[in-house]
């Protein structure tokens, strides 16, 4: 039982959920940057630093940029054809 009169019990649960989601977003962005085939090494470093320094907005910016880039030129981002 939470005996702290300042912070309600429900707030503790929601803050934990938000923290877990933020970490998942951060890890997903790191993996996505490292697996992106069209990025140079310098661009990867810049994105990783941006994601690390701005933990919530950095991953959102990465996913938005990746989405915009794929939408602008979908021909470069087709999955490879399966080999027989």
N, C-alpha and C. Protein backbone atom coordinates (compact mmCIF):
# COMPACT_ATOMS: atom_id res chain seq x y z
N UNK A 1 0.85 -1.19 0.00
CA UNK A 1 0.00 0.00 0.00
C UNK A 1 0.88 1.24 0.00
N UNK A 2 0.47 2.20 -0.81
CA UNK A 2 1.22 3.45 -0.92
C UNK A 2 0.80 4.38 0.22
N UNK A 3 1.76 4.78 1.02
CA UNK A 3 1.46 5.66 2.15
C UNK A 3 1.89 7.09 1.88
N UNK A 4 2.42 7.36 0.69
CA UNK A 4 2.85 8.72 0.36
C UNK A 4 1.63 9.55 -0.03
N UNK A 5 1.32 10.61 0.73
CA UNK A 5 0.12 11.39 0.42
C UNK A 5 0.31 12.32 -0.78
N UNK A 6 1.53 12.52 -1.21
CA UNK A 6 1.79 13.47 -2.30
C UNK A 6 1.65 12.79 -3.67
N UNK A 7 2.15 11.57 -3.80
CA UNK A 7 2.12 10.85 -5.07
C UNK A 7 1.11 9.71 -4.97
N UNK A 8 0.01 9.80 -5.71
CA UNK A 8 -0.99 8.73 -5.65
C UNK A 8 -0.45 7.43 -6.24
N UNK A 9 -1.03 6.33 -5.83
CA UNK A 9 -0.60 5.00 -6.27
C UNK A 9 -0.75 4.83 -7.78
N UNK A 10 -1.82 5.34 -8.38
CA UNK A 10 -2.02 5.18 -9.81
C UNK A 10 -0.95 5.88 -10.62
N UNK A 11 -0.41 6.98 -10.10
CA UNK A 11 0.63 7.72 -10.81
C UNK A 11 1.90 6.90 -10.91
N UNK A 12 2.22 6.16 -9.87
CA UNK A 12 3.41 5.32 -9.87
C UNK A 12 3.32 4.26 -10.97
N UNK A 13 2.16 3.65 -11.13
CA UNK A 13 1.98 2.64 -12.17
C UNK A 13 2.09 3.22 -13.56
N UNK A 14 1.48 4.38 -13.79
CA UNK A 14 1.54 5.00 -15.12
C UNK A 14 2.94 5.50 -15.44
N UNK A 15 3.65 6.00 -14.46
CA UNK A 15 5.00 6.47 -14.73
C UNK A 15 5.92 5.30 -15.07
N UNK A 16 5.70 4.16 -14.47
CA UNK A 16 6.47 2.97 -14.82
C UNK A 16 6.17 2.54 -16.25
N UNK A 17 4.91 2.56 -16.64
CA UNK A 17 4.52 2.20 -18.00
C UNK A 17 5.15 3.16 -19.01
N UNK A 18 5.13 4.44 -18.73
CA UNK A 18 5.72 5.43 -19.63
C UNK A 18 7.23 5.20 -19.75
N UNK A 19 7.89 4.89 -18.66
CA UNK A 19 9.33 4.64 -18.69
C UNK A 19 9.65 3.40 -19.52
N UNK A 20 8.87 2.34 -19.37
CA UNK A 20 9.10 1.12 -20.15
C UNK A 20 8.88 1.39 -21.64
N UNK A 21 7.84 2.14 -21.98
CA UNK A 21 7.59 2.47 -23.38
C UNK A 21 8.70 3.35 -23.96
N UNK A 22 9.21 4.27 -23.16
CA UNK A 22 10.31 5.13 -23.63
C UNK A 22 11.57 4.31 -23.89
N UNK A 23 11.87 3.37 -23.03
CA UNK A 23 13.04 2.51 -23.23
C UNK A 23 12.85 1.63 -24.46
N UNK A 24 11.65 1.10 -24.65
CA UNK A 24 11.38 0.27 -25.83
C UNK A 24 11.53 1.10 -27.11
N UNK A 25 11.06 2.33 -27.10
CA UNK A 25 11.20 3.22 -28.25
C UNK A 25 12.68 3.50 -28.52
N UNK A 26 13.44 3.72 -27.48
CA UNK A 26 14.88 3.99 -27.60
C UNK A 26 15.61 2.79 -28.20
N UNK A 27 15.36 1.61 -27.67
CA UNK A 27 16.02 0.40 -28.17
C UNK A 27 15.60 0.12 -29.61
N UNK A 28 14.32 0.28 -29.90
CA UNK A 28 13.84 0.08 -31.27
C UNK A 28 14.49 1.03 -32.26
N UNK A 29 14.68 2.27 -31.85
CA UNK A 29 15.32 3.25 -32.73
C UNK A 29 16.79 2.90 -32.95
N UNK A 30 17.49 2.48 -31.89
CA UNK A 30 18.89 2.08 -32.05
C UNK A 30 19.02 0.92 -33.03
N UNK A 31 18.19 -0.09 -32.85
CA UNK A 31 18.23 -1.26 -33.74
C UNK A 31 17.90 -0.85 -35.17
N UNK A 32 16.92 0.01 -35.34
CA UNK A 32 16.51 0.45 -36.66
C UNK A 32 17.63 1.23 -37.35
N UNK A 33 18.31 2.10 -36.61
CA UNK A 33 19.41 2.86 -37.20
C UNK A 33 20.54 1.92 -37.61
N UNK A 34 20.88 0.98 -36.74
CA UNK A 34 21.98 0.08 -37.04
C UNK A 34 21.69 -0.86 -38.20
N UNK A 35 20.42 -1.15 -38.44
CA UNK A 35 20.05 -2.06 -39.53
C UNK A 35 19.65 -1.35 -40.81
N UNK A 36 19.70 -0.03 -40.83
CA UNK A 36 19.32 0.72 -42.04
C UNK A 36 20.40 0.59 -43.10
N UNK A 37 20.05 0.07 -44.27
CA UNK A 37 21.07 -0.16 -45.29
C UNK A 37 21.53 1.10 -46.02
N UNK A 38 20.72 2.14 -46.06
CA UNK A 38 21.07 3.30 -46.87
C UNK A 38 21.82 4.40 -46.14
N UNK A 39 22.25 4.16 -44.92
CA UNK A 39 22.93 5.20 -44.16
C UNK A 39 24.44 5.02 -44.19
N UNK A 40 25.14 6.14 -44.29
CA UNK A 40 26.60 6.08 -44.17
C UNK A 40 26.96 5.93 -42.70
N UNK A 41 28.21 5.63 -42.45
CA UNK A 41 28.67 5.47 -41.06
C UNK A 41 28.54 6.78 -40.29
N UNK A 42 28.83 7.89 -40.94
CA UNK A 42 28.72 9.19 -40.27
C UNK A 42 27.26 9.50 -39.91
N UNK A 43 26.35 9.19 -40.82
CA UNK A 43 24.93 9.44 -40.56
C UNK A 43 24.43 8.56 -39.41
N UNK A 44 24.91 7.32 -39.36
CA UNK A 44 24.52 6.44 -38.25
C UNK A 44 24.99 7.01 -36.91
N UNK A 45 26.22 7.49 -36.89
CA UNK A 45 26.75 8.07 -35.64
C UNK A 45 25.93 9.28 -35.23
N UNK A 46 25.60 10.14 -36.18
CA UNK A 46 24.80 11.34 -35.87
C UNK A 46 23.44 10.93 -35.32
N UNK A 47 22.78 9.97 -35.96
CA UNK A 47 21.47 9.54 -35.48
C UNK A 47 21.55 8.88 -34.11
N UNK A 48 22.56 8.05 -33.89
CA UNK A 48 22.69 7.40 -32.59
C UNK A 48 22.93 8.42 -31.49
N UNK A 49 23.77 9.40 -31.76
CA UNK A 49 24.02 10.46 -30.76
C UNK A 49 22.74 11.25 -30.51
N UNK A 50 22.01 11.58 -31.56
CA UNK A 50 20.76 12.34 -31.40
C UNK A 50 19.74 11.55 -30.59
N UNK A 51 19.64 10.27 -30.87
CA UNK A 51 18.69 9.43 -30.14
C UNK A 51 19.09 9.31 -28.68
N UNK A 52 20.40 9.20 -28.44
CA UNK A 52 20.89 9.06 -27.07
C UNK A 52 20.72 10.35 -26.27
N UNK A 53 20.98 11.51 -26.90
CA UNK A 53 20.92 12.78 -26.18
C UNK A 53 19.49 13.28 -25.97
N UNK A 54 18.59 12.92 -26.85
CA UNK A 54 17.19 13.35 -26.74
C UNK A 54 16.33 12.08 -26.74
N UNK A 55 16.18 11.44 -25.57
CA UNK A 55 15.64 10.08 -25.51
C UNK A 55 14.25 9.86 -26.09
N UNK A 56 13.34 10.77 -26.02
CA UNK A 56 12.00 10.51 -26.56
C UNK A 56 11.84 11.16 -27.94
N UNK A 57 12.27 12.39 -28.07
CA UNK A 57 12.12 13.08 -29.36
C UNK A 57 13.09 12.56 -30.42
N UNK A 58 14.26 12.09 -30.00
CA UNK A 58 15.22 11.53 -30.95
C UNK A 58 14.67 10.33 -31.69
N UNK A 59 14.17 9.31 -30.98
CA UNK A 59 13.57 8.17 -31.69
C UNK A 59 12.36 8.54 -32.54
N UNK A 60 11.54 9.44 -32.05
CA UNK A 60 10.38 9.87 -32.84
C UNK A 60 10.85 10.56 -34.11
N UNK A 61 11.88 11.40 -34.00
CA UNK A 61 12.42 12.07 -35.18
C UNK A 61 13.01 11.05 -36.16
N UNK A 62 13.71 10.03 -35.64
CA UNK A 62 14.27 9.00 -36.52
C UNK A 62 13.18 8.26 -37.28
N UNK A 63 12.16 7.79 -36.56
CA UNK A 63 11.10 7.04 -37.22
C UNK A 63 10.33 7.92 -38.21
N UNK A 64 10.14 9.19 -37.89
CA UNK A 64 9.48 10.10 -38.82
C UNK A 64 10.34 10.32 -40.05
N UNK A 65 11.64 10.51 -39.88
CA UNK A 65 12.54 10.72 -41.01
C UNK A 65 12.61 9.48 -41.89
N UNK A 66 12.68 8.31 -41.26
CA UNK A 66 12.73 7.06 -42.01
C UNK A 66 11.44 6.86 -42.81
N UNK A 67 10.30 7.15 -42.18
CA UNK A 67 9.01 7.03 -42.86
C UNK A 67 8.95 7.99 -44.04
N UNK A 68 9.39 9.24 -43.83
CA UNK A 68 9.34 10.25 -44.89
C UNK A 68 10.26 9.85 -46.04
N UNK A 69 11.44 9.33 -45.71
CA UNK A 69 12.40 8.93 -46.73
C UNK A 69 11.85 7.77 -47.56
N UNK A 70 11.24 6.79 -46.92
CA UNK A 70 10.66 5.65 -47.64
C UNK A 70 9.47 6.06 -48.48
N UNK A 71 8.71 7.00 -47.97
CA UNK A 71 7.55 7.47 -48.73
C UNK A 71 7.99 8.27 -49.95
N UNK A 72 9.08 9.02 -49.82
CA UNK A 72 9.56 9.84 -50.93
C UNK A 72 10.11 8.98 -52.07
N UNK A 73 10.73 7.85 -51.75
CA UNK A 73 11.30 6.99 -52.77
C UNK A 73 11.08 5.52 -52.41
N UNK A 74 9.89 4.99 -52.65
CA UNK A 74 9.60 3.61 -52.25
C UNK A 74 10.35 2.56 -53.06
N UNK A 75 10.90 2.92 -54.22
CA UNK A 75 11.58 1.93 -55.05
C UNK A 75 12.88 1.44 -54.41
N UNK A 76 13.50 2.24 -53.57
CA UNK A 76 14.76 1.84 -52.93
C UNK A 76 14.56 0.96 -51.72
N UNK A 77 13.35 0.79 -51.27
CA UNK A 77 13.12 0.10 -50.01
C UNK A 77 12.23 -1.13 -50.17
N UNK A 78 12.33 -1.78 -51.31
CA UNK A 78 11.58 -3.02 -51.51
C UNK A 78 12.37 -4.16 -50.89
N UNK A 79 11.70 -5.11 -50.27
CA UNK A 79 12.43 -6.27 -49.73
C UNK A 79 13.01 -7.09 -50.89
N UNK A 80 14.14 -7.73 -50.66
CA UNK A 80 14.74 -8.53 -51.74
C UNK A 80 13.86 -9.72 -52.10
N UNK A 81 13.90 -10.08 -53.35
CA UNK A 81 13.12 -11.22 -53.83
C UNK A 81 13.72 -12.51 -53.28
N UNK A 82 12.86 -13.46 -52.89
CA UNK A 82 13.40 -14.72 -52.37
C UNK A 82 14.13 -15.50 -53.48
N UNK A 83 15.24 -16.09 -53.11
CA UNK A 83 15.99 -16.86 -54.11
C UNK A 83 15.45 -18.29 -54.15
N UNK A 84 15.38 -18.85 -55.34
CA UNK A 84 14.82 -20.22 -55.46
C UNK A 84 15.78 -21.28 -54.97
